[in-house]
């Protein structure tokens, strides 16, 4: 059997998370509405104290916009165009650890991206393990990301 290359596994997790988080734009729902909410004829009705977060998620999709931009940046990092390949931003594992952790933190506030947020946090941990093992990201235009 072969040796697990951690940053390649992290790359696959990040691509999956980045693509699946686009659902948040199609179906907007505030995730934490069950705290103090009451059951009404149209489903769960959030309390008045959560109204600012409901506005950020449902009425003005600000968190979805942040999640969308971070997901696009994820796809730019993991499925790079030729002008991105080999740049310092593209080779940086520490940038990916921090970026994916922040993206996971933002994604947990939107109901549709909770799974993606969990995968982003796992991806952040996978890249941290890759960094601790000393893996280097060498990218070629002809093949997948990386040799160890």
N, C-alpha and C. Protein backbone atom coordinates (compact mmCIF):
# COMPACT_ATOMS: atom_id res chain seq x y z
N UNK A 1 0.84 -1.17 0.00
CA UNK A 1 0.00 0.00 0.00
C UNK A 1 0.88 1.23 0.00
N UNK A 2 0.32 2.29 -0.47
CA UNK A 2 1.07 3.53 -0.56
C UNK A 2 0.99 4.35 0.71
N UNK A 3 1.72 5.43 0.69
CA UNK A 3 1.76 6.33 1.82
C UNK A 3 0.72 7.44 1.60
N UNK A 4 -0.03 7.78 2.66
CA UNK A 4 -1.04 8.82 2.55
C UNK A 4 -0.36 10.18 2.41
N UNK A 5 -0.72 10.90 1.38
CA UNK A 5 -0.22 12.25 1.18
C UNK A 5 -1.31 13.19 1.68
N UNK A 6 -1.06 13.79 2.82
CA UNK A 6 -2.09 14.51 3.55
C UNK A 6 -2.62 15.71 2.77
N UNK A 7 -1.75 16.45 2.12
CA UNK A 7 -2.25 17.65 1.45
C UNK A 7 -3.08 17.31 0.22
N UNK A 8 -2.90 16.14 -0.36
CA UNK A 8 -3.79 15.75 -1.47
C UNK A 8 -5.17 15.37 -0.94
N UNK A 9 -5.22 14.71 0.20
CA UNK A 9 -6.50 14.42 0.81
C UNK A 9 -7.20 15.72 1.22
N UNK A 10 -6.45 16.65 1.77
CA UNK A 10 -7.01 17.96 2.12
C UNK A 10 -7.52 18.70 0.91
N UNK A 11 -6.81 18.56 -0.21
CA UNK A 11 -7.24 19.21 -1.45
C UNK A 11 -8.60 18.67 -1.89
N UNK A 12 -8.78 17.36 -1.84
CA UNK A 12 -10.06 16.77 -2.23
C UNK A 12 -11.18 17.19 -1.29
N UNK A 13 -10.91 17.24 0.00
CA UNK A 13 -11.91 17.71 0.96
C UNK A 13 -12.27 19.18 0.71
N UNK A 14 -11.28 20.00 0.41
CA UNK A 14 -11.53 21.42 0.17
C UNK A 14 -12.35 21.64 -1.09
N UNK A 15 -12.07 20.88 -2.14
CA UNK A 15 -12.85 21.01 -3.37
C UNK A 15 -14.30 20.62 -3.11
N UNK A 16 -14.50 19.53 -2.39
CA UNK A 16 -15.86 19.10 -2.06
C UNK A 16 -16.59 20.15 -1.23
N UNK A 17 -15.92 20.71 -0.25
CA UNK A 17 -16.53 21.73 0.59
C UNK A 17 -16.83 22.99 -0.20
N UNK A 18 -15.91 23.39 -1.07
CA UNK A 18 -16.10 24.61 -1.85
C UNK A 18 -17.26 24.52 -2.82
N UNK A 19 -17.41 23.37 -3.46
CA UNK A 19 -18.50 23.21 -4.43
C UNK A 19 -19.84 23.07 -3.72
N UNK A 20 -19.88 22.32 -2.64
CA UNK A 20 -21.17 22.07 -1.98
C UNK A 20 -21.67 23.27 -1.19
N UNK A 21 -20.84 24.24 -0.90
CA UNK A 21 -21.31 25.39 -0.14
C UNK A 21 -22.06 26.40 -0.99
N UNK A 22 -22.16 26.18 -2.29
CA UNK A 22 -22.95 27.07 -3.14
C UNK A 22 -24.45 26.91 -2.89
N UNK A 23 -24.88 25.85 -2.21
CA UNK A 23 -26.28 25.64 -1.90
C UNK A 23 -26.84 26.72 -1.00
N UNK A 24 -26.00 27.39 -0.25
CA UNK A 24 -26.47 28.38 0.70
C UNK A 24 -27.18 29.55 0.02
N UNK A 25 -26.86 29.81 -1.22
CA UNK A 25 -27.55 30.88 -1.93
C UNK A 25 -28.94 30.48 -2.36
N UNK A 26 -29.13 29.22 -2.64
CA UNK A 26 -30.43 28.78 -3.15
C UNK A 26 -31.47 28.65 -2.05
N UNK A 27 -31.07 28.18 -0.89
CA UNK A 27 -32.00 27.94 0.21
C UNK A 27 -31.47 28.65 1.45
N UNK A 28 -32.06 29.81 1.77
CA UNK A 28 -31.57 30.59 2.90
C UNK A 28 -32.40 30.29 4.15
N UNK A 29 -31.70 29.89 5.20
CA UNK A 29 -32.34 29.63 6.49
C UNK A 29 -31.33 29.89 7.58
N UNK A 30 -31.79 30.52 8.63
CA UNK A 30 -30.96 30.79 9.80
C UNK A 30 -30.85 29.52 10.62
N UNK A 31 -29.65 29.07 10.91
CA UNK A 31 -29.45 27.77 11.55
C UNK A 31 -29.86 27.75 13.01
N UNK A 32 -29.59 28.80 13.75
CA UNK A 32 -29.81 28.78 15.19
C UNK A 32 -31.20 29.27 15.57
N UNK A 33 -32.19 29.14 14.67
CA UNK A 33 -33.53 29.63 14.97
C UNK A 33 -34.27 28.77 15.99
N UNK A 34 -33.77 27.58 16.26
CA UNK A 34 -34.46 26.71 17.21
C UNK A 34 -34.25 27.16 18.66
N UNK A 35 -33.32 28.06 18.90
CA UNK A 35 -33.06 28.53 20.26
C UNK A 35 -34.10 29.59 20.60
N UNK A 36 -35.01 29.21 21.44
CA UNK A 36 -36.04 30.14 21.88
C UNK A 36 -37.16 30.35 20.89
N UNK A 37 -37.17 29.63 19.79
CA UNK A 37 -38.21 29.80 18.79
C UNK A 37 -39.51 29.13 19.21
N UNK A 38 -40.58 29.54 18.57
CA UNK A 38 -41.88 28.93 18.84
C UNK A 38 -42.39 28.30 17.55
N UNK A 39 -43.18 27.27 17.72
CA UNK A 39 -43.73 26.57 16.58
C UNK A 39 -44.99 27.27 16.12
N UNK A 40 -45.03 27.63 14.84
CA UNK A 40 -46.18 28.32 14.28
C UNK A 40 -46.72 27.56 13.08
N UNK A 41 -47.71 28.14 12.40
CA UNK A 41 -48.32 27.45 11.26
C UNK A 41 -47.36 27.28 10.08
N UNK A 42 -46.35 28.13 9.96
CA UNK A 42 -45.40 28.04 8.85
C UNK A 42 -44.09 27.40 9.28
N UNK A 43 -44.06 26.78 10.45
CA UNK A 43 -42.83 26.17 10.93
C UNK A 43 -42.32 26.89 12.16
N UNK A 44 -41.02 26.83 12.37
CA UNK A 44 -40.40 27.43 13.54
C UNK A 44 -40.24 28.93 13.33
N UNK A 45 -40.71 29.71 14.28
CA UNK A 45 -40.62 31.17 14.21
C UNK A 45 -39.58 31.61 15.23
N UNK A 46 -38.47 32.24 14.75
CA UNK A 46 -37.43 32.67 15.69
C UNK A 46 -37.90 33.81 16.59
N UNK A 47 -37.28 33.91 17.76
CA UNK A 47 -37.61 34.99 18.69
C UNK A 47 -37.06 36.31 18.19
N UNK A 48 -37.50 37.38 18.83
CA UNK A 48 -37.08 38.73 18.43
C UNK A 48 -35.60 38.99 18.72
N UNK A 49 -35.02 38.30 19.70
CA UNK A 49 -33.62 38.55 20.03
C UNK A 49 -32.67 38.02 18.96
N UNK A 50 -33.13 37.15 18.08
CA UNK A 50 -32.28 36.65 17.00
C UNK A 50 -32.53 37.38 15.69
N UNK A 51 -33.32 38.45 15.72
CA UNK A 51 -33.68 39.17 14.50
C UNK A 51 -32.47 39.73 13.73
N UNK A 52 -31.44 40.27 14.39
CA UNK A 52 -30.28 40.74 13.61
C UNK A 52 -29.61 39.63 12.81
N UNK A 53 -29.48 38.44 13.38
CA UNK A 53 -28.88 37.34 12.64
C UNK A 53 -29.80 36.82 11.55
N UNK A 54 -31.09 36.84 11.79
CA UNK A 54 -32.04 36.45 10.75
C UNK A 54 -31.93 37.41 9.57
N UNK A 55 -31.77 38.70 9.84
CA UNK A 55 -31.60 39.68 8.76
C UNK A 55 -30.33 39.41 7.97
N UNK A 56 -29.24 39.03 8.67
CA UNK A 56 -27.97 38.76 7.98
C UNK A 56 -28.01 37.50 7.12
N UNK A 57 -28.89 36.58 7.45
CA UNK A 57 -28.92 35.30 6.74
C UNK A 57 -30.05 35.24 5.73
N UNK A 58 -31.24 35.66 6.11
CA UNK A 58 -32.41 35.48 5.27
C UNK A 58 -32.69 36.71 4.41
N UNK A 59 -32.83 37.86 5.04
CA UNK A 59 -33.22 39.07 4.29
C UNK A 59 -32.07 39.64 3.47
N UNK A 60 -30.94 39.83 4.10
CA UNK A 60 -29.72 40.31 3.40
C UNK A 60 -28.73 39.15 3.48
N UNK A 61 -28.50 38.41 2.42
CA UNK A 61 -27.67 37.20 2.53
C UNK A 61 -26.17 37.51 2.66
N UNK A 62 -25.82 38.24 3.71
CA UNK A 62 -24.43 38.66 3.89
C UNK A 62 -23.51 37.48 4.19
N UNK A 63 -23.95 36.59 5.07
CA UNK A 63 -23.12 35.42 5.39
C UNK A 63 -22.98 34.49 4.19
N UNK A 64 -24.03 34.39 3.37
CA UNK A 64 -23.93 33.57 2.16
C UNK A 64 -22.96 34.18 1.16
N UNK A 65 -22.93 35.50 1.08
CA UNK A 65 -21.98 36.17 0.18
C UNK A 65 -20.55 35.90 0.65
N UNK A 66 -20.30 36.02 1.95
CA UNK A 66 -18.96 35.71 2.47
C UNK A 66 -18.59 34.26 2.20
N UNK A 67 -19.53 33.36 2.44
CA UNK A 67 -19.28 31.94 2.19
C UNK A 67 -19.02 31.69 0.71
N UNK A 68 -19.78 32.34 -0.16
CA UNK A 68 -19.60 32.19 -1.59
C UNK A 68 -18.22 32.68 -2.03
N UNK A 69 -17.82 33.84 -1.55
CA UNK A 69 -16.50 34.39 -1.92
C UNK A 69 -15.36 33.50 -1.41
N UNK A 70 -15.49 33.01 -0.18
CA UNK A 70 -14.45 32.13 0.36
C UNK A 70 -14.44 30.78 -0.37
N UNK A 71 -15.59 30.31 -0.81
CA UNK A 71 -15.63 29.06 -1.57
C UNK A 71 -15.01 29.22 -2.95
N UNK A 72 -15.25 30.36 -3.57
CA UNK A 72 -14.61 30.64 -4.86
C UNK A 72 -13.10 30.72 -4.69
N UNK A 73 -12.65 31.36 -3.61
CA UNK A 73 -11.22 31.44 -3.34
C UNK A 73 -10.64 30.05 -3.07
N UNK A 74 -11.43 29.19 -2.40
CA UNK A 74 -11.01 27.80 -2.18
C UNK A 74 -10.80 27.10 -3.51
N UNK A 75 -11.73 27.25 -4.42
CA UNK A 75 -11.61 26.60 -5.72
C UNK A 75 -10.46 27.17 -6.54
N UNK A 76 -10.19 28.46 -6.38
CA UNK A 76 -9.03 29.05 -7.06
C UNK A 76 -7.73 28.47 -6.52
N UNK A 77 -7.68 28.23 -5.20
CA UNK A 77 -6.48 27.64 -4.61
C UNK A 77 -6.31 26.16 -4.98
N UNK A 78 -7.41 25.43 -4.98
CA UNK A 78 -7.31 23.98 -5.15
C UNK A 78 -7.39 23.51 -6.60
N UNK A 79 -8.05 24.25 -7.45
CA UNK A 79 -8.12 23.96 -8.88
C UNK A 79 -7.56 25.17 -9.62
N UNK A 80 -6.26 25.36 -9.56
CA UNK A 80 -5.69 26.64 -9.99
C UNK A 80 -5.67 26.82 -11.50
N UNK A 81 -5.82 28.07 -11.88
CA UNK A 81 -5.58 28.46 -13.26
C UNK A 81 -4.08 28.58 -13.46
N UNK A 82 -3.61 28.54 -14.69
CA UNK A 82 -2.15 28.56 -14.91
C UNK A 82 -1.42 29.75 -14.31
N UNK A 83 -2.07 30.91 -14.22
CA UNK A 83 -1.36 32.07 -13.67
C UNK A 83 -1.27 32.03 -12.15
N UNK A 84 -2.00 31.13 -11.50
CA UNK A 84 -1.94 31.00 -10.04
C UNK A 84 -0.93 29.94 -9.61
N UNK A 85 -0.68 28.98 -10.48
CA UNK A 85 0.20 27.86 -10.13
C UNK A 85 1.61 28.36 -9.84
N UNK A 86 2.15 27.90 -8.71
CA UNK A 86 3.52 28.23 -8.35
C UNK A 86 3.69 29.51 -7.57
N UNK A 87 2.63 30.29 -7.39
CA UNK A 87 2.76 31.52 -6.61
C UNK A 87 2.87 31.18 -5.13
N UNK A 88 3.32 32.13 -4.34
CA UNK A 88 3.49 31.89 -2.90
C UNK A 88 2.15 31.63 -2.22
N UNK A 89 1.10 32.29 -2.69
CA UNK A 89 -0.24 32.07 -2.12
C UNK A 89 -0.69 30.65 -2.39
N UNK A 90 -0.41 30.15 -3.57
CA UNK A 90 -0.83 28.81 -3.95
C UNK A 90 -0.05 27.73 -3.21
N UNK A 91 1.21 27.97 -2.91
CA UNK A 91 2.04 26.97 -2.24
C UNK A 91 1.90 26.99 -0.72
N UNK A 92 1.28 28.01 -0.16
CA UNK A 92 1.23 28.19 1.29
C UNK A 92 0.21 27.26 1.93
N UNK A 93 0.70 26.39 2.82
CA UNK A 93 -0.19 25.51 3.56
C UNK A 93 -0.78 26.24 4.77
N UNK A 94 -0.01 27.11 5.39
CA UNK A 94 -0.51 27.83 6.56
C UNK A 94 -1.68 28.75 6.18
N UNK A 95 -1.65 29.32 4.98
CA UNK A 95 -2.77 30.13 4.51
C UNK A 95 -4.03 29.28 4.41
N UNK A 96 -3.88 28.07 3.92
CA UNK A 96 -5.03 27.18 3.78
C UNK A 96 -5.58 26.77 5.15
N UNK A 97 -4.71 26.51 6.10
CA UNK A 97 -5.17 26.14 7.45
C UNK A 97 -6.01 27.26 8.03
N UNK A 98 -5.53 28.47 7.96
CA UNK A 98 -6.24 29.62 8.53
C UNK A 98 -7.51 29.92 7.73
N UNK A 99 -7.41 29.94 6.41
CA UNK A 99 -8.55 30.26 5.56
C UNK A 99 -9.69 29.26 5.73
N UNK A 100 -9.37 27.99 5.77
CA UNK A 100 -10.43 26.98 5.88
C UNK A 100 -11.04 26.97 7.26
N UNK A 101 -10.28 27.29 8.28
CA UNK A 101 -10.85 27.39 9.62
C UNK A 101 -11.82 28.56 9.70
N UNK A 102 -11.44 29.71 9.14
CA UNK A 102 -12.32 30.88 9.13
C UNK A 102 -13.57 30.61 8.30
N UNK A 103 -13.40 29.95 7.16
CA UNK A 103 -14.55 29.62 6.32
C UNK A 103 -15.50 28.68 7.04
N UNK A 104 -14.96 27.73 7.77
CA UNK A 104 -15.80 26.84 8.56
C UNK A 104 -16.55 27.58 9.65
N UNK A 105 -15.90 28.55 10.27
CA UNK A 105 -16.55 29.33 11.33
C UNK A 105 -17.70 30.16 10.76
N UNK A 106 -17.51 30.75 9.60
CA UNK A 106 -18.58 31.53 8.96
C UNK A 106 -19.68 30.61 8.45
N UNK A 107 -19.31 29.47 7.90
CA UNK A 107 -20.28 28.57 7.32
C UNK A 107 -21.21 27.91 8.33
N UNK A 108 -20.82 27.83 9.59
CA UNK A 108 -21.66 27.18 10.58
C UNK A 108 -22.89 28.03 10.94
N UNK A 109 -22.88 29.29 10.59
CA UNK A 109 -24.02 30.16 10.89
C UNK A 109 -25.17 30.00 9.90
N UNK A 110 -24.90 29.41 8.74
CA UNK A 110 -25.92 29.23 7.72
C UNK A 110 -26.32 27.76 7.72
N UNK A 111 -27.60 27.49 7.73
CA UNK A 111 -28.10 26.13 7.88
C UNK A 111 -27.60 25.20 6.77
N UNK A 112 -27.58 25.67 5.53
CA UNK A 112 -27.22 24.82 4.41
C UNK A 112 -25.74 24.51 4.33
N UNK A 113 -24.91 25.24 5.01
CA UNK A 113 -23.46 25.02 4.91
C UNK A 113 -22.86 24.47 6.19
N UNK A 114 -23.67 23.92 7.08
CA UNK A 114 -23.13 23.36 8.32
C UNK A 114 -22.23 22.16 8.01
N UNK A 115 -22.68 21.27 7.11
CA UNK A 115 -21.83 20.13 6.74
C UNK A 115 -20.54 20.60 6.08
N UNK A 116 -20.65 21.58 5.20
CA UNK A 116 -19.45 22.12 4.55
C UNK A 116 -18.52 22.75 5.56
N UNK A 117 -19.09 23.42 6.56
CA UNK A 117 -18.26 24.04 7.60
C UNK A 117 -17.50 22.98 8.39
N UNK A 118 -18.16 21.87 8.68
CA UNK A 118 -17.48 20.78 9.39
C UNK A 118 -16.35 20.23 8.52
N UNK A 119 -16.63 20.06 7.23
CA UNK A 119 -15.59 19.57 6.32
C UNK A 119 -14.45 20.56 6.19
N UNK A 120 -14.75 21.86 6.21
CA UNK A 120 -13.69 22.86 6.16
C UNK A 120 -12.79 22.78 7.39
N UNK A 121 -13.38 22.58 8.56
CA UNK A 121 -12.57 22.46 9.79
C UNK A 121 -11.73 21.19 9.74
N UNK A 122 -12.30 20.10 9.23
CA UNK A 122 -11.52 18.87 9.06
C UNK A 122 -10.38 19.10 8.07
N UNK A 123 -10.68 19.80 6.98
CA UNK A 123 -9.66 20.11 5.99
C UNK A 123 -8.54 20.95 6.59
N UNK A 124 -8.90 21.89 7.43
CA UNK A 124 -7.89 22.70 8.12
C UNK A 124 -6.98 21.82 8.97
N UNK A 125 -7.57 20.86 9.67
CA UNK A 125 -6.77 19.93 10.46
C UNK A 125 -5.89 19.04 9.61
N UNK A 126 -6.41 18.59 8.47
CA UNK A 126 -5.62 17.75 7.56
C UNK A 126 -4.42 18.51 7.03
N UNK A 127 -4.63 19.78 6.65
CA UNK A 127 -3.50 20.59 6.18
C UNK A 127 -2.52 20.88 7.31
N UNK A 128 -3.01 21.01 8.54
CA UNK A 128 -2.10 21.20 9.67
C UNK A 128 -1.23 19.97 9.88
N UNK A 129 -1.81 18.78 9.73
CA UNK A 129 -1.01 17.55 9.83
C UNK A 129 0.00 17.49 8.70
N UNK A 130 -0.42 17.87 7.49
CA UNK A 130 0.50 17.88 6.35
C UNK A 130 1.67 18.83 6.61
N UNK A 131 1.36 19.97 7.20
CA UNK A 131 2.42 20.94 7.50
C UNK A 131 3.35 20.40 8.58
N UNK A 132 2.79 19.72 9.59
CA UNK A 132 3.62 19.18 10.66
C UNK A 132 4.50 18.03 10.17
N UNK A 133 4.06 17.32 9.16
CA UNK A 133 4.85 16.24 8.59
C UNK A 133 5.89 16.74 7.59
N UNK A 134 5.88 18.03 7.31
CA UNK A 134 6.86 18.62 6.42
C UNK A 134 6.57 18.45 4.94
N UNK A 135 5.33 18.20 4.60
CA UNK A 135 4.99 18.05 3.19
C UNK A 135 5.10 19.39 2.48
N UNK A 136 5.57 19.32 1.26
CA UNK A 136 5.72 20.51 0.42
C UNK A 136 4.75 20.39 -0.74
N UNK A 137 4.15 21.49 -1.13
CA UNK A 137 3.23 21.47 -2.25
C UNK A 137 3.98 21.86 -3.51
N UNK A 138 4.21 20.89 -4.36
CA UNK A 138 4.78 21.16 -5.68
C UNK A 138 3.70 20.85 -6.69
N UNK A 139 3.42 21.80 -7.51
CA UNK A 139 2.30 21.69 -8.43
C UNK A 139 2.82 21.71 -9.85
N UNK A 140 2.32 20.79 -10.65
CA UNK A 140 2.61 20.82 -12.07
C UNK A 140 1.31 21.03 -12.81
N UNK A 141 1.39 21.59 -13.99
CA UNK A 141 0.20 21.83 -14.79
C UNK A 141 -0.34 20.54 -15.40
N UNK A 142 0.46 19.49 -15.42
CA UNK A 142 0.05 18.26 -16.07
C UNK A 142 -0.63 17.27 -15.15
N UNK A 143 -0.44 17.39 -13.85
CA UNK A 143 -0.96 16.37 -12.95
C UNK A 143 -1.61 16.96 -11.72
N UNK A 144 -2.00 16.09 -10.80
CA UNK A 144 -2.65 16.56 -9.58
C UNK A 144 -1.65 17.25 -8.65
N UNK A 145 -2.18 17.84 -7.60
CA UNK A 145 -1.33 18.56 -6.65
C UNK A 145 -0.46 17.58 -5.94
N UNK A 146 0.76 17.73 -6.12
CA UNK A 146 1.77 17.34 -5.31
C UNK A 146 2.55 16.11 -5.07
N UNK A 147 3.78 16.32 -4.92
CA UNK A 147 4.70 15.30 -4.45
C UNK A 147 5.09 15.64 -3.03
N UNK A 148 5.53 14.63 -2.32
CA UNK A 148 5.96 14.85 -0.94
C UNK A 148 7.43 15.19 -0.94
